[in-house]
Protein backbone atom coordinates (compact mmCIF):
# COMPACT_ATOMS: atom_id res chain seq x y z
CA MET A 1 45.62 -38.96 -19.98
CA GLY A 2 45.34 -40.80 -23.38
CA THR A 3 49.21 -40.27 -23.82
CA SER A 4 49.91 -41.99 -20.49
CA ILE A 5 47.66 -44.81 -21.33
CA VAL A 6 49.63 -45.28 -24.37
CA LEU A 7 52.76 -45.34 -22.79
CA ARG A 8 51.87 -47.69 -20.29
CA SER A 9 50.51 -50.12 -22.87
CA ILE A 10 53.89 -49.79 -24.75
CA GLU A 11 55.88 -50.29 -21.63
CA ASN A 12 53.84 -53.57 -20.74
CA SER A 13 54.26 -54.86 -24.19
CA VAL A 14 58.04 -54.46 -24.20
CA ARG A 15 59.13 -55.17 -20.70
CA PRO A 16 58.58 -58.96 -20.90
CA HIS A 17 61.04 -59.13 -24.00
CA PHE A 18 63.71 -57.18 -21.86
CA ALA A 19 63.11 -59.10 -18.78
CA ILE A 20 65.32 -61.94 -20.12
CA LEU A 21 68.36 -59.72 -19.88
CA SER A 22 70.59 -60.48 -16.56
CA SER A 23 72.71 -57.76 -15.09
CA ALA A 24 75.75 -58.77 -17.28
CA GLY A 25 73.38 -58.66 -20.11
CA TRP A 26 72.22 -55.09 -19.47
CA ILE A 27 75.85 -54.09 -18.96
CA ALA A 28 76.72 -55.96 -22.35
CA LEU A 29 73.78 -54.04 -24.17
CA ALA A 30 74.64 -50.74 -22.72
CA PHE A 31 78.48 -51.13 -23.96
CA ALA A 32 77.43 -52.22 -27.46
CA ALA A 33 74.90 -49.35 -27.65
CA VAL A 34 77.73 -46.83 -26.58
CA MET A 35 80.16 -48.23 -28.97
CA LEU A 36 77.57 -48.13 -31.85
CA VAL A 37 76.45 -44.47 -31.06
CA GLY A 38 79.89 -43.49 -30.51
CA GLY A 39 81.21 -45.01 -33.81
CA PHE A 40 78.16 -43.35 -35.73
CA VAL A 41 78.69 -39.84 -34.18
CA LEU A 42 82.44 -39.76 -34.30
CA GLY A 43 82.92 -41.51 -37.42
CA TRP A 44 85.13 -44.11 -35.88
CA GLN A 45 85.00 -47.71 -37.60
CA GLU A 46 86.76 -49.20 -34.80
CA LEU A 47 84.07 -48.58 -32.23
CA THR A 48 81.45 -50.02 -34.50
CA PHE A 49 83.54 -53.15 -35.13
CA VAL A 50 83.62 -53.58 -31.18
CA GLY A 51 79.92 -52.87 -30.87
CA LEU A 52 78.50 -54.97 -33.49
CA PRO A 53 80.09 -58.32 -32.23
CA VAL A 54 78.83 -57.67 -28.70
CA LEU A 55 75.44 -57.01 -30.19
CA ALA A 56 75.48 -60.06 -32.33
CA GLY A 57 76.49 -62.04 -29.24
CA LEU A 58 73.46 -61.07 -27.28
CA VAL A 59 71.15 -61.98 -30.26
CA PHE A 60 73.06 -65.30 -30.62
CA CYS A 61 72.41 -65.93 -26.73
CA THR A 62 68.81 -65.86 -27.34
CA VAL A 63 68.90 -69.11 -29.18
CA PHE A 64 69.39 -70.80 -25.77
CA LEU A 65 65.72 -69.74 -24.78
CA ILE A 66 64.20 -71.63 -27.66
CA GLY A 67 61.89 -74.25 -26.53
CA ARG A 68 59.35 -74.85 -24.07
CA THR A 69 59.32 -76.59 -20.50
CA THR A 70 56.56 -78.80 -19.32
CA TYR A 71 57.38 -79.24 -15.75
CA ASP A 72 55.16 -80.12 -12.75
CA VAL A 73 56.73 -79.22 -9.62
CA THR A 74 56.28 -79.93 -6.02
CA ILE A 75 57.96 -79.08 -2.88
CA GLU A 76 57.82 -81.50 0.11
CA LEU A 77 59.00 -80.81 3.66
CA SER A 78 59.44 -83.85 6.15
CA PRO A 79 58.31 -82.86 8.71
CA SER A 80 56.85 -79.24 8.15
CA ARG A 81 57.21 -78.36 12.00
CA VAL A 82 60.32 -79.11 13.78
CA VAL A 83 61.96 -77.94 17.23
CA VAL A 84 64.99 -75.92 17.06
CA GLY A 85 67.95 -78.32 16.35
CA GLU A 86 65.86 -81.05 14.97
CA ARG A 87 66.51 -82.44 11.27
CA ALA A 88 64.30 -81.09 8.66
CA LEU A 89 64.74 -82.36 5.24
CA GLY A 90 62.94 -81.18 1.79
CA ARG A 91 62.25 -82.91 -1.47
CA LEU A 92 61.91 -81.09 -4.81
CA VAL A 93 60.31 -83.21 -7.28
CA ILE A 94 60.21 -82.15 -11.05
CA THR A 95 58.11 -84.24 -13.64
CA ASN A 96 57.79 -83.86 -17.35
CA SER A 97 54.10 -83.21 -17.71
CA GLY A 98 54.26 -82.84 -21.60
CA THR A 99 54.35 -85.14 -24.40
CA ARG A 100 57.76 -84.27 -25.66
CA SER A 101 61.02 -84.53 -24.18
CA VAL A 102 62.62 -81.49 -22.48
CA LEU A 103 66.27 -80.31 -22.37
CA ALA A 104 68.42 -79.98 -19.38
CA ALA A 105 67.87 -76.85 -17.09
CA ARG A 106 68.61 -75.42 -13.94
CA MET A 107 66.39 -75.08 -10.89
CA GLU A 108 66.80 -72.42 -8.25
CA LEU A 109 65.13 -72.76 -4.51
CA PRO A 110 65.07 -70.19 -2.14
CA VAL A 111 65.33 -71.67 1.31
CA GLY A 112 65.19 -68.95 4.02
CA ALA A 113 67.98 -66.43 3.32
CA GLY A 114 69.78 -68.98 1.17
CA ARG A 115 69.47 -70.23 -2.25
CA ALA A 116 69.79 -73.85 -3.41
CA GLU A 117 70.75 -74.57 -7.17
CA PHE A 118 69.94 -77.75 -8.88
CA SER A 119 71.00 -79.26 -12.27
CA ILE A 120 67.92 -81.02 -13.84
CA PRO A 121 68.87 -83.54 -16.61
CA ALA A 122 66.83 -83.87 -19.71
CA LEU A 123 63.48 -85.59 -19.04
CA LYS A 124 61.39 -87.88 -21.37
CA PRO A 125 57.56 -87.44 -21.12
CA ALA A 126 56.32 -88.57 -17.61
CA GLN A 127 59.88 -89.12 -16.32
CA GLU A 128 60.40 -87.65 -12.88
CA HIS A 129 63.41 -86.46 -10.85
CA ASP A 130 63.85 -85.59 -7.54
CA GLU A 131 66.48 -83.65 -5.25
CA LEU A 132 66.83 -83.83 -1.59
CA PHE A 133 68.04 -80.60 0.51
CA ALA A 134 68.44 -80.13 4.11
CA VAL A 135 66.99 -76.98 5.81
CA PRO A 136 68.90 -75.35 8.84
CA THR A 137 66.97 -75.30 12.02
CA ASN A 138 69.60 -73.88 14.40
CA ARG A 139 67.13 -70.85 15.31
CA ARG A 140 63.57 -70.32 15.96
CA ALA A 141 62.04 -69.05 12.71
CA VAL A 142 59.58 -69.31 9.99
CA ILE A 143 61.48 -70.47 7.19
CA ALA A 144 60.12 -69.82 3.77
CA THR A 145 60.87 -72.45 1.18
CA GLY A 146 60.49 -71.50 -2.46
CA PRO A 147 59.08 -70.41 -5.08
CA ALA A 148 60.97 -73.02 -7.37
CA ILE A 149 61.83 -71.53 -10.42
CA SER A 150 63.52 -72.94 -13.60
CA VAL A 151 66.46 -70.86 -15.32
CA ARG A 152 67.47 -71.27 -18.83
CA GLY A 153 70.20 -69.29 -20.71
CA ASP A 154 73.70 -68.91 -22.06
CA GLN A 155 76.78 -70.46 -20.30
CA LEU A 156 77.79 -66.50 -19.98
CA GLY A 157 74.85 -65.53 -17.99
CA LEU A 158 73.73 -62.83 -20.48
CA ILE A 159 70.34 -63.87 -21.08
CA ARG A 160 68.13 -66.11 -18.84
CA ARG A 161 64.42 -66.92 -18.88
CA VAL A 162 63.02 -67.41 -15.45
CA VAL A 163 59.80 -69.48 -14.76
CA ARG A 164 58.12 -69.86 -11.52
CA TRP A 165 56.62 -73.23 -10.74
CA THR A 166 55.51 -73.28 -7.23
CA ASP A 167 54.18 -71.14 -4.44
CA PRO A 168 56.39 -70.81 -1.17
CA ILE A 169 55.67 -73.04 1.66
CA ASP A 170 56.71 -72.59 5.24
CA LEU A 171 58.68 -74.62 7.49
CA PHE A 172 58.05 -73.71 11.38
CA VAL A 173 60.88 -73.99 13.69
CA HIS A 174 59.45 -74.11 17.03
CA PRO A 175 61.10 -72.95 20.31
CA VAL A 176 62.20 -75.58 22.69
CA THR A 177 59.73 -76.15 25.71
CA THR A 178 59.49 -78.08 28.71
CA PRO A 179 56.56 -80.19 30.36
CA LEU A 180 54.95 -78.68 33.23
CA ALA A 181 52.50 -80.09 35.94
CA PRO A 182 48.90 -80.11 34.94
CA SER A 183 46.70 -77.02 35.70
CA ALA A 184 49.75 -74.88 35.20
CA ALA A 185 51.12 -76.49 38.49
CA GLY A 186 48.10 -75.05 40.37
CA LEU A 187 48.30 -71.35 39.54
CA VAL A 188 44.84 -71.74 37.74
CA ARG A 189 43.02 -73.60 40.32
CA ASP A 190 39.34 -73.35 39.55
CA LEU A 191 38.37 -73.89 35.91
CA GLU A 192 34.54 -73.44 36.56
CA GLY A 193 35.11 -70.04 37.67
CA GLN A 194 36.53 -67.71 40.58
CA VAL A 195 34.33 -65.90 42.96
CA THR A 196 34.72 -61.95 42.75
CA LYS A 197 33.25 -59.42 45.06
CA LYS A 198 30.80 -58.13 42.53
CA ILE A 199 27.12 -58.75 43.53
CA THR A 200 24.67 -59.72 40.64
CA ASP A 201 21.20 -61.07 40.44
CA SER A 202 21.95 -64.16 38.51
CA ASP A 203 24.98 -66.46 38.91
CA LEU A 204 26.17 -69.55 40.74
CA SER A 205 27.72 -68.42 44.17
CA PHE A 206 24.92 -67.53 46.55
CA HIS A 207 25.42 -64.62 48.71
CA ALA A 208 22.24 -63.14 50.16
CA LEU A 209 18.60 -62.34 50.18
CA ARG A 210 17.13 -59.10 49.33
CA SER A 211 13.53 -57.60 49.00
CA TYR A 212 11.72 -58.17 45.79
CA ALA A 213 11.91 -55.23 43.30
CA PRO A 214 9.56 -54.80 40.14
CA GLY A 215 11.19 -56.24 37.37
CA ASP A 216 13.19 -59.00 39.38
CA ASP A 217 13.24 -62.46 37.65
CA ARG A 218 10.65 -64.69 39.77
CA ARG A 219 12.83 -67.64 39.12
CA TYR A 220 15.15 -66.24 42.13
CA VAL A 221 12.54 -65.64 44.57
CA HIS A 222 13.21 -67.87 47.79
CA TRP A 223 9.61 -69.19 48.09
CA ARG A 224 10.34 -70.58 51.73
CA THR A 225 11.52 -67.24 53.09
CA SER A 226 8.73 -65.39 51.24
CA ALA A 227 6.06 -67.75 52.67
CA ARG A 228 7.18 -66.98 56.05
CA LEU A 229 7.26 -63.24 55.89
CA ILE A 230 3.85 -63.18 54.05
CA GLN A 231 2.43 -65.33 56.94
CA GLN A 232 4.10 -62.98 59.34
CA THR A 233 3.02 -59.60 57.88
CA GLY A 234 -0.08 -60.51 55.62
CA ASP A 235 1.54 -58.78 52.53
CA PRO A 236 1.37 -61.05 49.51
CA MET A 237 3.94 -58.93 47.94
CA ASN A 238 6.45 -59.38 50.60
CA LEU A 239 8.92 -61.47 48.65
CA MET A 240 12.61 -62.28 48.99
CA VAL A 241 14.89 -62.91 46.01
CA ARG A 242 18.28 -64.50 45.86
CA GLN A 243 21.63 -62.39 45.23
CA PHE A 244 24.85 -64.10 44.09
CA GLU A 245 28.57 -63.10 43.87
CA GLU A 246 29.66 -63.01 40.43
CA THR A 247 31.73 -65.71 39.18
CA ARG A 248 33.89 -65.73 36.09
CA ARG A 249 35.96 -68.68 34.19
CA SER A 250 39.44 -68.71 34.85
CA GLN A 251 41.27 -66.38 32.27
CA LEU A 252 45.17 -66.23 31.98
CA THR A 253 47.10 -63.77 30.09
CA VAL A 254 50.72 -64.06 29.10
CA LEU A 255 52.37 -60.70 28.37
CA GLN A 256 55.70 -61.10 26.85
CA SER A 257 57.69 -57.83 25.50
CA GLU A 258 59.74 -58.06 22.10
CA SER A 259 61.53 -54.93 23.15
CA SER A 260 65.51 -55.21 23.24
CA ALA A 261 65.10 -52.70 26.15
CA PHE A 262 64.18 -55.37 28.50
CA TYR A 263 66.66 -57.98 27.30
CA GLY A 264 70.51 -58.39 27.91
CA SER A 265 71.08 -60.53 24.80
CA ASP A 266 69.24 -62.44 21.99
CA ASP A 267 69.78 -65.76 23.69
CA GLU A 268 67.95 -64.32 26.58
CA PHE A 269 64.93 -63.26 24.54
CA GLU A 270 64.85 -66.86 23.10
CA LEU A 271 64.73 -68.26 26.57
CA ALA A 272 61.77 -66.05 27.37
CA VAL A 273 60.10 -67.28 24.40
CA SER A 274 60.49 -70.98 25.37
CA VAL A 275 59.37 -69.92 28.77
CA ALA A 276 56.19 -68.44 27.53
CA THR A 277 55.43 -71.24 25.17
CA SER A 278 56.10 -73.82 27.82
CA LEU A 279 53.44 -72.18 30.34
CA ALA A 280 51.10 -71.58 27.41
CA ALA A 281 51.15 -75.07 26.00
CA GLN A 282 50.41 -76.47 29.39
CA VAL A 283 47.56 -74.07 29.86
CA ILE A 284 46.04 -74.85 26.62
CA ARG A 285 46.21 -78.62 27.47
CA ASP A 286 44.27 -77.99 30.48
CA GLY A 287 41.56 -76.31 28.76
CA THR A 288 42.07 -72.75 30.49
CA ALA A 289 40.88 -69.58 28.60
CA LEU A 290 44.38 -67.95 27.48
CA ASN A 291 45.75 -64.93 25.70
CA ILE A 292 49.40 -64.28 24.62
CA VAL A 293 50.26 -60.85 23.57
CA SER A 294 53.21 -58.92 22.81
CA GLU A 295 54.05 -55.42 21.21
CA SER A 296 53.65 -56.56 17.83
CA ARG A 297 51.04 -59.51 17.87
CA ARG A 298 48.32 -61.33 19.70
CA LEU A 299 49.17 -65.28 19.37
CA HIS A 300 46.49 -67.90 18.28
CA THR A 301 45.73 -69.93 21.08
CA HIS A 302 42.96 -72.39 19.91
CA SER A 303 45.69 -75.19 19.90
CA ALA A 304 49.10 -75.65 21.14
CA SER A 305 50.38 -76.27 17.65
CA ALA A 306 48.77 -72.90 16.38
CA MET A 307 50.38 -70.90 19.23
CA LEU A 308 53.99 -72.42 18.73
CA ASP A 309 53.46 -71.56 14.95
CA ASP A 310 52.73 -68.00 15.71
CA SER A 311 55.69 -67.89 18.51
CA CYS A 312 57.96 -68.66 15.41
CA ARG A 313 57.39 -65.07 14.25
CA MET A 314 58.18 -63.23 17.46
CA GLU A 315 61.30 -60.90 16.99
CA LEU A 316 63.51 -59.08 19.47
CA SER A 317 63.25 -55.35 18.05
CA GLY A 318 65.07 -52.31 19.07
CA LYS A 319 62.39 -49.99 17.35
CA LEU A 320 59.65 -50.68 19.95
CA GLY A 321 59.46 -47.41 22.15
CA GLY A 322 57.38 -46.78 25.34
CA ASN A 323 57.64 -47.93 28.82
CA ALA A 324 56.48 -51.10 30.37
CA ARG A 325 53.01 -49.56 31.66
CA ASP A 326 52.44 -48.31 27.96
CA PHE A 327 53.16 -51.72 26.53
CA ALA A 328 50.97 -53.51 28.96
CA ARG A 329 47.94 -51.21 28.63
CA THR A 330 48.01 -51.03 24.79
CA ALA A 331 48.63 -54.93 24.43
CA THR A 332 45.87 -55.86 26.88
CA LYS A 333 43.23 -52.94 26.33
CA ARG A 334 41.02 -55.27 24.24
CA LEU A 335 41.32 -58.46 26.35
CA PRO A 336 38.98 -59.67 29.36
CA PRO A 337 40.56 -58.87 32.81
CA PRO A 338 42.65 -61.91 33.64
CA SER A 339 42.40 -64.06 36.94
CA VAL A 340 46.16 -64.62 36.51
CA LEU A 341 48.70 -62.59 34.68
CA PHE A 342 52.19 -63.88 33.56
CA ILE A 343 54.75 -60.97 32.76
CA ILE A 344 57.64 -62.35 30.91
CA ALA A 345 60.77 -60.32 30.15
CA GLY A 346 64.52 -60.31 30.43
CA SER A 347 67.04 -59.11 32.88
CA LYS A 348 66.68 -55.37 32.04
CA MET A 349 63.14 -55.18 33.40
CA THR A 350 63.28 -53.37 36.64
CA ALA A 351 60.97 -53.64 39.76
CA SER A 352 59.30 -50.40 38.96
CA ASP A 353 58.36 -51.76 35.41
CA TYR A 354 56.83 -54.70 37.21
CA ARG A 355 54.81 -52.36 39.80
CA GLN A 356 53.70 -50.24 36.92
CA ILE A 357 52.14 -53.24 34.96
CA GLU A 358 50.53 -54.54 38.22
CA VAL A 359 48.52 -51.69 39.07
CA LEU A 360 46.84 -51.74 35.83
CA PHE A 361 44.86 -54.87 36.75
CA PRO A 362 42.34 -55.55 39.31
CA THR A 363 43.23 -56.30 42.81
CA GLU A 364 41.95 -59.82 42.62
CA THR A 365 44.21 -60.65 39.67
CA THR A 366 47.22 -63.11 40.48
CA VAL A 367 50.33 -61.47 38.89
CA ILE A 368 53.63 -63.63 38.65
CA ALA A 369 56.66 -62.07 36.60
CA PHE A 370 59.23 -64.46 35.07
CA ARG A 371 62.47 -62.66 35.01
CA ILE A 372 64.83 -64.27 32.40
CA GLU A 373 68.44 -64.14 33.21
CA LEU A 374 70.90 -66.40 31.51
CA GLY A 375 72.95 -68.39 34.14
CA ALA A 376 70.98 -67.09 37.18
CA ASP A 377 70.09 -69.57 39.85
CA ALA A 378 66.39 -70.39 40.03
CA ALA A 379 64.60 -68.31 42.73
CA LEU A 380 61.30 -66.92 43.81
CA ARG A 381 61.27 -63.27 44.99
CA GLN A 382 58.85 -60.53 46.01
CA VAL A 383 59.93 -57.39 44.13
CA ALA A 384 57.83 -54.29 44.93
CA GLY A 385 55.09 -56.34 45.89
CA VAL A 386 55.02 -58.72 42.88
CA LYS A 387 55.87 -62.32 42.83
CA VAL A 388 58.97 -62.63 40.59
CA ALA A 389 60.40 -66.15 39.48
CA VAL A 390 63.92 -66.03 38.29
CA VAL A 391 64.67 -68.56 35.36
CA GLY A 392 68.45 -68.89 34.30
CA GLU A 393 67.77 -72.22 32.36
CA LEU A 394 64.62 -73.79 30.77
CA ARG A 395 64.95 -76.71 32.88
CA ASP A 396 64.52 -74.48 36.01
CA LEU A 397 61.14 -73.51 34.87
CA PRO A 398 59.09 -76.46 36.35
CA LYS A 399 60.89 -75.68 39.73
CA VAL A 400 60.07 -72.25 39.87
CA VAL A 401 56.29 -72.56 38.73
CA SER A 402 55.80 -75.28 41.54
CA ARG A 403 57.20 -72.78 44.07
CA ALA A 404 55.13 -69.88 42.69
CA ALA A 405 51.96 -72.17 42.95
CA GLY A 406 52.80 -73.09 46.63
């Protein structure tokens, strides 16, 4: 145990000094070591004469690391949320926060899968330098910008010192959405509640009267009817209490699969995300309780902006197993029973899949499936007893929703 602690301590002390070596620097160091060892073991001076200059060159390159940078670096995105295809610009601001001038340096900034490089000139104290850059927004995504790092080293790229100046910030590229009529085009008609067939002793929708039983809340005694019965029977305990039909607040669930087994292409999945977020954004604006779930996540729905942010993280995956029934059961097992259920999937979801999902929910739940099929004509069909709206383009959505609400 003591030996491992000592070795770990030595490693932690030595590692920062070797971290300045780039890949090319490690190759040069290994080459110099082989030449010097070979020259010493074999007694060949020629190998020594080759190894020494390489090693001396590495030592000389460390001169370029001398000096201390005193930067204050910020990354600005304008705006931080855009829709697919909109322009997004960024600004990298570097300020010399020290009391002495700093030499020129190179700044690297990862932007998504790419990397931008900037040449930073020598800066006097308090002097500021900024660089503008564009962020590609051709696909829905969360694009991490940063961290900004400064790089100092030799011109050969053997020695480099990297200093991290900022944390990454995210640019949200939202899916394209289309506006819909209020109240989800009539699909969720009653925001105060929908009557169910379950009888309860306390609610809003009156159902019938029954005889009083010990423990009943006397607030629900129907005194006019009770007085009439007491007068007829002479029994002061012959009371009648109200019964109610249970009501519940409208609850809408959007169920969207991320499994490639249900989609014909990536573009079909992107259209499905646009359909789901268009429906969800309108329902959120209407104030109806909403849940949006997929195999990998449950989206935040406290605001349209939060919902759209989360939708940027949805990804089509071929690793998601199980059938439609298993997916729906797992995704909704912790959710309250919905009054309206939207099933959103691509052209490869079958009529049997729709039916398997529908039977998981109460009979009073309105189930509407949105079949995303690129290029198909907008239509509303009955498939295996489920109302299926076919969407071939996003502009078709308001029309098919209006038909489904009719």
